Amino acid sequence: MSDAAVMLRDLSEPRSSGEFVKNAIDRAAKAAGLGYWRAFDIWYRKARKVEEYEIDAIKEALRIKNEREARNALHQAKLLLAEVEARLNNSSDADFRQPYLDGVRAQTSGMGQGRSRFQR
């Protein structure tokens, strides 16, 4: 049962400083498709039993959250790479920048391709 509480808390992250715990529980409950008071009982380990379907719902919501965060991180990395490439293209030293750009393109060419480790 403690695993369900930990997963529910992970699901509520990130939490802003000063945020009420009530809001974090509500956000996690909505993401997992649970009622607020049921999530409250799981959060504080007051639930006598956590049903398997509830654990599955929390796991699935956590998987979706992690996948979304991974996509966002990949998008941010691609934006940063594009910015670096634009700055290097503005550089006057073509002999310096071209091998570097070719190496970066080769290393990142497969980013975002294929199945994610979060997909089934």
N, C-alpha and C. Protein backbone atom coordinates (compact mmCIF):
# COMPACT_ATOMS: atom_id res chain seq x y z
N MET A 1 0.82 -1.19 0.00
CA MET A 1 0.00 0.00 0.00
C MET A 1 0.87 1.25 0.00
N SER A 2 2.01 1.20 0.66
CA SER A 2 2.85 2.39 0.70
C SER A 2 3.35 2.77 -0.69
N ASP A 3 3.49 1.76 -1.57
CA ASP A 3 3.89 2.06 -2.94
C ASP A 3 2.85 2.94 -3.63
N ALA A 4 1.58 2.71 -3.37
CA ALA A 4 0.53 3.52 -3.97
C ALA A 4 0.62 4.96 -3.49
N ALA A 5 0.93 5.15 -2.22
CA ALA A 5 1.07 6.50 -1.67
C ALA A 5 2.25 7.21 -2.32
N VAL A 6 3.36 6.50 -2.46
CA VAL A 6 4.55 7.08 -3.08
C VAL A 6 4.26 7.44 -4.54
N MET A 7 3.61 6.54 -5.26
CA MET A 7 3.29 6.81 -6.67
C MET A 7 2.34 8.00 -6.79
N LEU A 8 1.38 8.09 -5.88
CA LEU A 8 0.44 9.20 -5.90
C LEU A 8 1.18 10.52 -5.65
N ARG A 9 2.11 10.51 -4.74
CA ARG A 9 2.91 11.71 -4.47
C ARG A 9 3.77 12.08 -5.68
N ASP A 10 4.35 11.06 -6.33
CA ASP A 10 5.13 11.32 -7.54
C ASP A 10 4.26 11.92 -8.64
N LEU A 11 3.04 11.46 -8.70
CA LEU A 11 2.11 11.94 -9.71
C LEU A 11 1.78 13.41 -9.50
N SER A 12 1.83 13.88 -8.27
CA SER A 12 1.49 15.27 -7.99
C SER A 12 2.64 16.23 -8.29
N GLU A 13 3.82 15.71 -8.51
CA GLU A 13 4.99 16.56 -8.76
C GLU A 13 4.93 17.15 -10.16
N PRO A 14 5.53 18.28 -10.41
CA PRO A 14 6.23 19.15 -9.48
C PRO A 14 5.25 20.00 -8.68
N ARG A 15 5.62 20.27 -7.46
CA ARG A 15 4.80 21.13 -6.60
C ARG A 15 5.52 22.44 -6.39
N SER A 16 4.78 23.51 -6.51
CA SER A 16 5.39 24.82 -6.28
C SER A 16 5.53 25.07 -4.79
N SER A 17 6.49 25.89 -4.43
CA SER A 17 6.68 26.17 -3.01
C SER A 17 5.47 26.92 -2.48
N GLY A 18 5.05 26.53 -1.32
CA GLY A 18 3.88 27.16 -0.72
C GLY A 18 2.55 26.59 -1.17
N GLU A 19 2.60 25.62 -2.08
CA GLU A 19 1.36 25.00 -2.56
C GLU A 19 0.75 24.16 -1.44
N PHE A 20 -0.53 24.24 -1.28
CA PHE A 20 -1.21 23.43 -0.28
C PHE A 20 -1.20 21.96 -0.71
N VAL A 21 -1.03 21.08 0.25
CA VAL A 21 -1.04 19.64 -0.02
C VAL A 21 -2.39 19.24 -0.63
N LYS A 22 -3.44 19.90 -0.19
CA LYS A 22 -4.77 19.62 -0.72
C LYS A 22 -4.79 19.75 -2.24
N ASN A 23 -4.13 20.77 -2.77
CA ASN A 23 -4.09 20.96 -4.22
C ASN A 23 -3.29 19.86 -4.91
N ALA A 24 -2.21 19.42 -4.28
CA ALA A 24 -1.40 18.34 -4.85
C ALA A 24 -2.19 17.04 -4.87
N ILE A 25 -2.92 16.75 -3.80
CA ILE A 25 -3.75 15.54 -3.74
C ILE A 25 -4.83 15.61 -4.81
N ASP A 26 -5.45 16.76 -4.95
CA ASP A 26 -6.51 16.93 -5.94
C ASP A 26 -5.98 16.72 -7.35
N ARG A 27 -4.80 17.27 -7.66
CA ARG A 27 -4.19 17.12 -8.98
C ARG A 27 -3.87 15.65 -9.26
N ALA A 28 -3.31 14.96 -8.27
CA ALA A 28 -2.98 13.54 -8.44
C ALA A 28 -4.25 12.70 -8.58
N ALA A 29 -5.28 13.03 -7.81
CA ALA A 29 -6.54 12.29 -7.88
C ALA A 29 -7.16 12.41 -9.26
N LYS A 30 -7.19 13.62 -9.78
CA LYS A 30 -7.77 13.84 -11.12
C LYS A 30 -6.98 13.10 -12.19
N ALA A 31 -5.66 13.15 -12.09
CA ALA A 31 -4.81 12.47 -13.08
C ALA A 31 -5.04 10.96 -13.07
N ALA A 32 -5.27 10.39 -11.88
CA ALA A 32 -5.45 8.94 -11.76
C ALA A 32 -6.91 8.52 -11.89
N GLY A 33 -7.81 9.50 -11.95
CA GLY A 33 -9.22 9.17 -12.05
C GLY A 33 -9.82 8.69 -10.75
N LEU A 34 -9.27 9.15 -9.65
CA LEU A 34 -9.77 8.78 -8.32
C LEU A 34 -10.52 9.96 -7.72
N GLY A 35 -11.37 9.67 -6.78
CA GLY A 35 -12.03 10.73 -6.03
C GLY A 35 -11.05 11.37 -5.07
N TYR A 36 -11.32 12.62 -4.70
CA TYR A 36 -10.40 13.34 -3.82
C TYR A 36 -10.20 12.60 -2.51
N TRP A 37 -11.28 12.18 -1.85
CA TRP A 37 -11.16 11.56 -0.53
C TRP A 37 -10.49 10.19 -0.59
N ARG A 38 -10.67 9.49 -1.71
CA ARG A 38 -9.98 8.21 -1.85
C ARG A 38 -8.48 8.46 -2.00
N ALA A 39 -8.13 9.44 -2.80
CA ALA A 39 -6.73 9.79 -2.97
C ALA A 39 -6.13 10.29 -1.65
N PHE A 40 -6.91 11.04 -0.89
CA PHE A 40 -6.49 11.53 0.42
C PHE A 40 -6.13 10.36 1.33
N ASP A 41 -7.01 9.36 1.37
CA ASP A 41 -6.76 8.19 2.22
C ASP A 41 -5.51 7.42 1.78
N ILE A 42 -5.32 7.31 0.48
CA ILE A 42 -4.12 6.62 -0.03
C ILE A 42 -2.88 7.45 0.27
N TRP A 43 -2.96 8.74 0.03
CA TRP A 43 -1.84 9.67 0.24
C TRP A 43 -1.31 9.57 1.67
N TYR A 44 -2.24 9.59 2.62
CA TYR A 44 -1.86 9.56 4.03
C TYR A 44 -1.82 8.16 4.62
N ARG A 45 -1.91 7.15 3.75
CA ARG A 45 -1.84 5.75 4.15
C ARG A 45 -2.92 5.37 5.17
N LYS A 46 -4.09 5.96 4.99
CA LYS A 46 -5.22 5.65 5.84
C LYS A 46 -6.10 4.56 5.24
N ALA A 47 -5.93 4.31 3.94
CA ALA A 47 -6.75 3.31 3.27
C ALA A 47 -6.37 1.92 3.80
N ARG A 48 -7.38 1.16 4.18
CA ARG A 48 -7.11 -0.19 4.69
C ARG A 48 -6.59 -1.10 3.59
N LYS A 49 -7.14 -0.89 2.40
CA LYS A 49 -6.73 -1.68 1.26
C LYS A 49 -6.79 -0.81 0.02
N VAL A 50 -5.78 -0.93 -0.82
CA VAL A 50 -5.78 -0.24 -2.11
C VAL A 50 -6.03 -1.31 -3.15
N GLU A 51 -7.12 -1.14 -3.87
CA GLU A 51 -7.51 -2.13 -4.87
C GLU A 51 -6.53 -2.14 -6.04
N GLU A 52 -6.44 -3.29 -6.69
CA GLU A 52 -5.53 -3.45 -7.81
C GLU A 52 -5.85 -2.48 -8.95
N TYR A 53 -7.14 -2.25 -9.21
CA TYR A 53 -7.51 -1.32 -10.29
C TYR A 53 -7.09 0.11 -9.95
N GLU A 54 -7.05 0.45 -8.66
CA GLU A 54 -6.59 1.79 -8.26
C GLU A 54 -5.08 1.92 -8.47
N ILE A 55 -4.35 0.88 -8.12
CA ILE A 55 -2.91 0.88 -8.35
C ILE A 55 -2.62 0.96 -9.83
N ASP A 56 -3.37 0.21 -10.63
CA ASP A 56 -3.19 0.25 -12.08
C ASP A 56 -3.48 1.64 -12.63
N ALA A 57 -4.52 2.30 -12.13
CA ALA A 57 -4.87 3.65 -12.59
C ALA A 57 -3.77 4.65 -12.23
N ILE A 58 -3.21 4.52 -11.04
CA ILE A 58 -2.13 5.41 -10.63
C ILE A 58 -0.89 5.16 -11.49
N LYS A 59 -0.56 3.89 -11.72
CA LYS A 59 0.60 3.55 -12.56
C LYS A 59 0.44 4.09 -13.97
N GLU A 60 -0.75 3.94 -14.53
CA GLU A 60 -1.00 4.42 -15.89
C GLU A 60 -0.89 5.94 -15.96
N ALA A 61 -1.43 6.64 -14.98
CA ALA A 61 -1.33 8.10 -14.95
C ALA A 61 0.13 8.53 -14.81
N LEU A 62 0.89 7.81 -14.01
CA LEU A 62 2.30 8.11 -13.84
C LEU A 62 3.08 7.85 -15.13
N ARG A 63 2.73 6.78 -15.83
CA ARG A 63 3.37 6.48 -17.12
C ARG A 63 3.11 7.60 -18.12
N ILE A 64 1.87 8.04 -18.20
CA ILE A 64 1.50 9.13 -19.12
C ILE A 64 2.24 10.41 -18.75
N LYS A 65 2.32 10.71 -17.47
CA LYS A 65 3.03 11.91 -17.01
C LYS A 65 4.50 11.84 -17.39
N ASN A 66 5.14 10.69 -17.14
CA ASN A 66 6.55 10.53 -17.45
C ASN A 66 6.81 10.62 -18.95
N GLU A 67 5.92 10.06 -19.75
CA GLU A 67 6.06 10.13 -21.20
C GLU A 67 5.95 11.57 -21.68
N ARG A 68 5.00 12.31 -21.13
CA ARG A 68 4.81 13.72 -21.50
C ARG A 68 6.06 14.52 -21.12
N GLU A 69 6.61 14.28 -19.93
CA GLU A 69 7.82 14.98 -19.50
C GLU A 69 9.01 14.65 -20.40
N ALA A 70 9.11 13.39 -20.83
CA ALA A 70 10.19 13.00 -21.73
C ALA A 70 10.07 13.70 -23.08
N ARG A 71 8.84 13.77 -23.60
CA ARG A 71 8.63 14.48 -24.87
C ARG A 71 8.98 15.96 -24.74
N ASN A 72 8.59 16.56 -23.61
CA ASN A 72 8.91 17.97 -23.39
C ASN A 72 10.42 18.19 -23.28
N ALA A 73 11.12 17.29 -22.60
CA ALA A 73 12.57 17.40 -22.47
C ALA A 73 13.24 17.27 -23.84
N LEU A 74 12.76 16.34 -24.65
CA LEU A 74 13.30 16.16 -25.99
C LEU A 74 13.08 17.42 -26.82
N HIS A 75 11.89 17.98 -26.73
CA HIS A 75 11.57 19.21 -27.47
C HIS A 75 12.50 20.35 -27.03
N GLN A 76 12.72 20.49 -25.73
CA GLN A 76 13.61 21.53 -25.23
C GLN A 76 15.04 21.32 -25.73
N ALA A 77 15.49 20.07 -25.76
CA ALA A 77 16.84 19.77 -26.25
C ALA A 77 16.98 20.12 -27.72
N LYS A 78 15.95 19.82 -28.51
CA LYS A 78 15.98 20.15 -29.93
C LYS A 78 15.98 21.66 -30.15
N LEU A 79 15.22 22.40 -29.33
CA LEU A 79 15.22 23.86 -29.44
C LEU A 79 16.60 24.43 -29.10
N LEU A 80 17.22 23.88 -28.05
CA LEU A 80 18.55 24.33 -27.66
C LEU A 80 19.56 24.03 -28.75
N LEU A 81 19.48 22.85 -29.33
CA LEU A 81 20.37 22.47 -30.42
C LEU A 81 20.20 23.40 -31.61
N ALA A 82 18.96 23.74 -31.94
CA ALA A 82 18.72 24.66 -33.05
C ALA A 82 19.30 26.04 -32.76
N GLU A 83 19.20 26.48 -31.52
CA GLU A 83 19.76 27.77 -31.15
C GLU A 83 21.29 27.76 -31.26
N VAL A 84 21.92 26.70 -30.79
CA VAL A 84 23.37 26.58 -30.89
C VAL A 84 23.79 26.54 -32.34
N GLU A 85 23.06 25.79 -33.15
CA GLU A 85 23.39 25.68 -34.57
C GLU A 85 23.25 27.04 -35.25
N ALA A 86 22.23 27.79 -34.91
CA ALA A 86 22.04 29.12 -35.50
C ALA A 86 23.19 30.05 -35.12
N ARG A 87 23.62 29.97 -33.87
CA ARG A 87 24.75 30.81 -33.44
C ARG A 87 26.03 30.42 -34.15
N LEU A 88 26.23 29.11 -34.32
CA LEU A 88 27.44 28.67 -35.01
C LEU A 88 27.40 29.03 -36.49
N ASN A 89 26.22 29.02 -37.08
CA ASN A 89 26.10 29.40 -38.50
C ASN A 89 26.43 30.87 -38.70
N ASN A 90 26.24 31.67 -37.67
CA ASN A 90 26.57 33.09 -37.75
C ASN A 90 28.05 33.34 -37.52
N SER A 91 28.77 32.29 -37.11
CA SER A 91 30.20 32.41 -36.87
C SER A 91 30.92 32.57 -38.21
N SER A 92 32.02 33.29 -38.19
CA SER A 92 32.75 33.56 -39.43
C SER A 92 33.72 32.44 -39.80
N ASP A 93 33.98 31.53 -38.91
CA ASP A 93 34.97 30.49 -39.13
C ASP A 93 34.29 29.18 -39.57
N ALA A 94 34.09 29.02 -40.88
CA ALA A 94 33.42 27.84 -41.42
C ALA A 94 34.21 26.56 -41.17
N ASP A 95 35.53 26.64 -41.17
CA ASP A 95 36.35 25.46 -40.93
C ASP A 95 36.15 24.92 -39.52
N PHE A 96 35.86 25.82 -38.58
CA PHE A 96 35.61 25.40 -37.21
C PHE A 96 34.22 24.81 -37.05
N ARG A 97 33.23 25.50 -37.55
CA ARG A 97 31.84 25.14 -37.23
C ARG A 97 31.33 23.92 -38.00
N GLN A 98 31.75 23.71 -39.25
CA GLN A 98 31.16 22.64 -40.05
C GLN A 98 31.40 21.25 -39.48
N PRO A 99 32.62 20.88 -39.10
CA PRO A 99 32.81 19.55 -38.50
C PRO A 99 32.03 19.38 -37.19
N TYR A 100 31.96 20.46 -36.42
CA TYR A 100 31.21 20.41 -35.17
C TYR A 100 29.73 20.17 -35.45
N LEU A 101 29.16 20.93 -36.38
CA LEU A 101 27.75 20.78 -36.71
C LEU A 101 27.45 19.39 -37.26
N ASP A 102 28.33 18.89 -38.12
CA ASP A 102 28.14 17.55 -38.68
C ASP A 102 28.14 16.50 -37.57
N GLY A 103 29.03 16.64 -36.60
CA GLY A 103 29.09 15.69 -35.49
C GLY A 103 27.85 15.75 -34.62
N VAL A 104 27.37 16.95 -34.33
CA VAL A 104 26.17 17.10 -33.52
C VAL A 104 24.96 16.53 -34.25
N ARG A 105 24.85 16.82 -35.54
CA ARG A 105 23.73 16.27 -36.32
C ARG A 105 23.75 14.74 -36.33
N ALA A 106 24.93 14.16 -36.47
CA ALA A 106 25.06 12.70 -36.50
C ALA A 106 24.64 12.08 -35.16
N GLN A 107 25.03 12.73 -34.07
CA GLN A 107 24.70 12.20 -32.75
C GLN A 107 23.22 12.33 -32.42
N THR A 108 22.58 13.35 -32.94
CA THR A 108 21.18 13.61 -32.57
C THR A 108 20.19 13.21 -33.64
N SER A 109 20.66 12.61 -34.71
CA SER A 109 19.75 12.30 -35.81
C SER A 109 18.65 11.32 -35.42
N GLY A 110 18.91 10.44 -34.46
CA GLY A 110 17.90 9.46 -34.06
C GLY A 110 17.04 9.88 -32.89
N MET A 111 17.23 11.09 -32.39
CA MET A 111 16.45 11.54 -31.23
C MET A 111 14.97 11.58 -31.57
N GLY A 112 14.17 10.96 -30.72
CA GLY A 112 12.73 10.98 -30.90
C GLY A 112 12.21 9.97 -31.89
N GLN A 113 13.08 9.13 -32.41
CA GLN A 113 12.68 8.11 -33.38
C GLN A 113 12.35 6.81 -32.66
N GLY A 114 11.47 6.04 -33.22
CA GLY A 114 11.18 4.72 -32.68
C GLY A 114 10.34 4.75 -31.45
N ARG A 115 10.26 3.61 -30.78
CA ARG A 115 9.43 3.47 -29.58
C ARG A 115 10.10 4.08 -28.39
N SER A 116 9.33 4.74 -27.60
CA SER A 116 9.80 5.27 -26.33
C SER A 116 9.88 4.13 -25.33
N ARG A 117 10.76 4.25 -24.35
CA ARG A 117 10.83 3.20 -23.33
C ARG A 117 9.60 3.23 -22.43
N PHE A 118 8.76 4.27 -22.57
CA PHE A 118 7.55 4.37 -21.76
C PHE A 118 6.35 3.73 -22.46
N GLN A 119 6.52 3.38 -23.75
CA GLN A 119 5.40 2.79 -24.47
C GLN A 119 5.39 1.29 -24.24
N ARG A 120 4.20 0.73 -24.36
CA ARG A 120 4.08 -0.72 -24.16
C ARG A 120 4.28 -1.45 -25.46
